[in-house]
Amino acid sequence: QVQLSESGGGLVQPGESLRLSCAPSENISRFYVMGWHRQAPGKQRELVALITSGGLINYADSVKGRFSISTDNAKHQMYVQMNSLKPANTAVYYCKYRSTYSAIEYWGKGTRVTVSS
C-alpha cells in the first residue's frame, strides 16, 4: 500500500512563498493522477491543483497564477510552489495519488500551512 508523506508546511507572512513536497513510500505507477488538496478550519477539503502523467494540469481558480504544481518522475515526488500566499491559503495541505488504472486513492496525512502576519 502506497503511503504518501507531505513536507514543507509552516508559518509564513502574507506575500511569502512555500514549496510543499509529496513523497511516496514506494515507486508509483508511471501512469497517475496526483493532486494537492487543502482543508481550512471549518471548511470542506478542496482541490488545489492536479497533475497527470499525461501532462494535464488544473488549478483551483483561487490559486491560478500563484501556485505551480510539478512532479519529478525520477524521484516519484510531487511538489507545489506557492507564491504570494494569503491568509485565506491557511489550511492543512494533503497530497493524493491514484494510478490511472485503479480507483484506489491514497492520501497523505497533510502538512499545515499558516499564513499570518
Protein backbone atom coordinates (compact mmCIF):
# COMPACT_ATOMS: atom_id res chain seq x y z
CA GLN A 1 0.00 0.00 0.00
CA VAL A 2 1.39 3.34 -1.03
CA GLN A 3 1.97 5.81 1.77
CA LEU A 4 2.36 9.48 0.98
CA SER A 5 4.33 11.91 3.07
CA GLU A 6 3.96 15.66 2.74
CA SER A 7 6.54 18.18 3.90
CA GLY A 8 7.34 21.86 3.59
CA GLY A 9 4.49 23.44 5.50
CA GLY A 10 4.99 26.14 8.07
CA LEU A 11 4.18 29.64 9.21
CA VAL A 12 4.77 32.44 6.74
CA GLN A 13 3.72 36.03 6.35
CA PRO A 14 1.36 37.23 3.62
CA GLY A 15 3.16 37.59 0.32
CA GLU A 16 5.78 34.97 1.11
CA SER A 17 6.28 31.61 -0.57
CA LEU A 18 6.40 27.95 0.37
CA ARG A 19 7.18 24.78 -1.53
CA LEU A 20 5.41 21.63 -0.48
CA SER A 21 6.68 18.18 -1.34
CA CYS A 22 4.91 14.84 -1.51
CA ALA A 23 6.97 11.68 -1.38
CA PRO A 24 5.50 8.20 -1.81
CA SER A 25 6.83 5.29 0.20
CA GLU A 26 7.45 3.23 -2.93
CA ASN A 27 7.66 3.64 -6.64
CA ILE A 28 4.33 4.57 -8.08
CA SER A 29 2.80 3.86 -11.44
CA ARG A 30 4.14 5.73 -14.45
CA PHE A 31 0.51 6.46 -15.23
CA TYR A 32 -1.03 8.51 -12.47
CA VAL A 33 -3.28 11.27 -11.32
CA MET A 34 -1.84 13.26 -8.43
CA GLY A 35 -3.05 16.33 -6.70
CA TRP A 36 -2.86 18.73 -3.82
CA HIS A 37 -5.94 19.33 -1.72
CA ARG A 38 -6.43 21.50 1.32
CA GLN A 39 -8.79 21.80 4.21
CA ALA A 40 -9.16 25.06 6.05
CA PRO A 41 -10.63 25.18 9.55
CA GLY A 42 -14.38 24.70 9.41
CA LYS A 43 -14.39 24.05 5.68
CA GLN A 44 -14.55 21.05 3.40
CA ARG A 45 -11.48 19.67 1.73
CA GLU A 46 -10.99 21.17 -1.71
CA LEU A 47 -8.80 20.57 -4.73
CA VAL A 48 -5.91 22.99 -5.12
CA ALA A 49 -4.08 21.57 -8.11
CA LEU A 50 -3.97 18.39 -10.13
CA ILE A 51 -1.40 16.85 -12.44
CA THR A 52 -1.46 13.70 -14.53
CA SER A 53 1.29 11.63 -16.06
CA GLY A 54 -0.07 12.70 -19.43
CA GLY A 55 0.71 16.33 -18.68
CA LEU A 56 -2.73 17.61 -17.76
CA ILE A 57 -2.62 20.31 -15.09
CA ASN A 58 -5.56 22.04 -13.42
CA TYR A 59 -5.70 24.65 -10.70
CA ALA A 60 -8.42 25.99 -8.49
CA ASP A 61 -9.35 29.46 -9.67
CA SER A 62 -8.23 30.94 -6.38
CA VAL A 63 -4.60 29.84 -6.86
CA LYS A 64 -4.12 30.30 -10.60
CA GLY A 65 -1.07 32.38 -11.34
CA ARG A 66 0.33 31.94 -7.83
CA PHE A 67 0.69 28.18 -7.37
CA SER A 68 2.60 25.80 -9.60
CA ILE A 69 2.34 22.01 -9.41
CA SER A 70 5.05 19.73 -10.72
CA THR A 71 6.40 16.21 -10.48
CA ASP A 72 9.84 14.68 -10.56
CA ASN A 73 9.19 11.34 -12.19
CA ALA A 74 12.71 10.12 -11.45
CA LYS A 75 12.17 10.68 -7.73
CA HIS A 76 8.45 9.84 -7.86
CA GLN A 77 7.74 13.06 -6.00
CA MET A 78 5.24 15.84 -6.43
CA TYR A 79 5.59 19.48 -5.50
CA VAL A 80 3.57 22.65 -5.32
CA GLN A 81 5.27 26.02 -5.35
CA MET A 82 3.03 28.51 -3.59
CA ASN A 83 3.80 32.18 -4.13
CA SER A 84 2.13 35.36 -2.90
CA LEU A 85 0.49 33.47 -0.08
CA LYS A 86 -2.59 34.94 1.54
CA PRO A 87 -4.19 34.34 4.93
CA ALA A 88 -7.02 32.62 3.02
CA ASN A 89 -4.48 29.96 1.99
CA THR A 90 -4.14 28.82 5.58
CA ALA A 91 -5.05 25.14 5.68
CA VAL A 92 -3.76 21.62 6.01
CA TYR A 93 -2.49 20.58 2.61
CA TYR A 94 -2.80 16.96 1.52
CA CYS A 95 -1.38 15.12 -1.45
CA LYS A 96 -3.32 12.43 -3.23
CA TYR A 97 -2.27 9.76 -5.67
CA ARG A 98 -4.20 7.38 -7.87
CA SER A 99 -2.91 5.11 -10.57
CA THR A 100 -4.65 5.70 -13.89
CA TYR A 101 -5.61 2.03 -13.85
CA SER A 102 -7.13 1.93 -10.40
CA ALA A 103 -9.94 3.57 -8.48
CA ILE A 104 -7.99 3.37 -5.21
CA GLU A 105 -6.91 6.76 -3.91
CA TYR A 106 -4.07 7.27 -1.49
CA TRP A 107 -3.83 10.28 0.78
CA GLY A 108 -1.05 11.70 2.87
CA LYS A 109 -1.55 12.87 6.43
CA GLY A 110 -1.14 16.50 5.50
CA THR A 111 1.16 19.40 6.21
CA ARG A 112 -0.06 22.59 7.83
CA VAL A 113 0.36 25.94 6.14
CA THR A 114 -0.35 29.06 8.15
CA VAL A 115 -0.24 32.48 6.55
CA SER A 116 -0.38 35.21 9.12
CA SER A 117 1.25 38.49 9.97
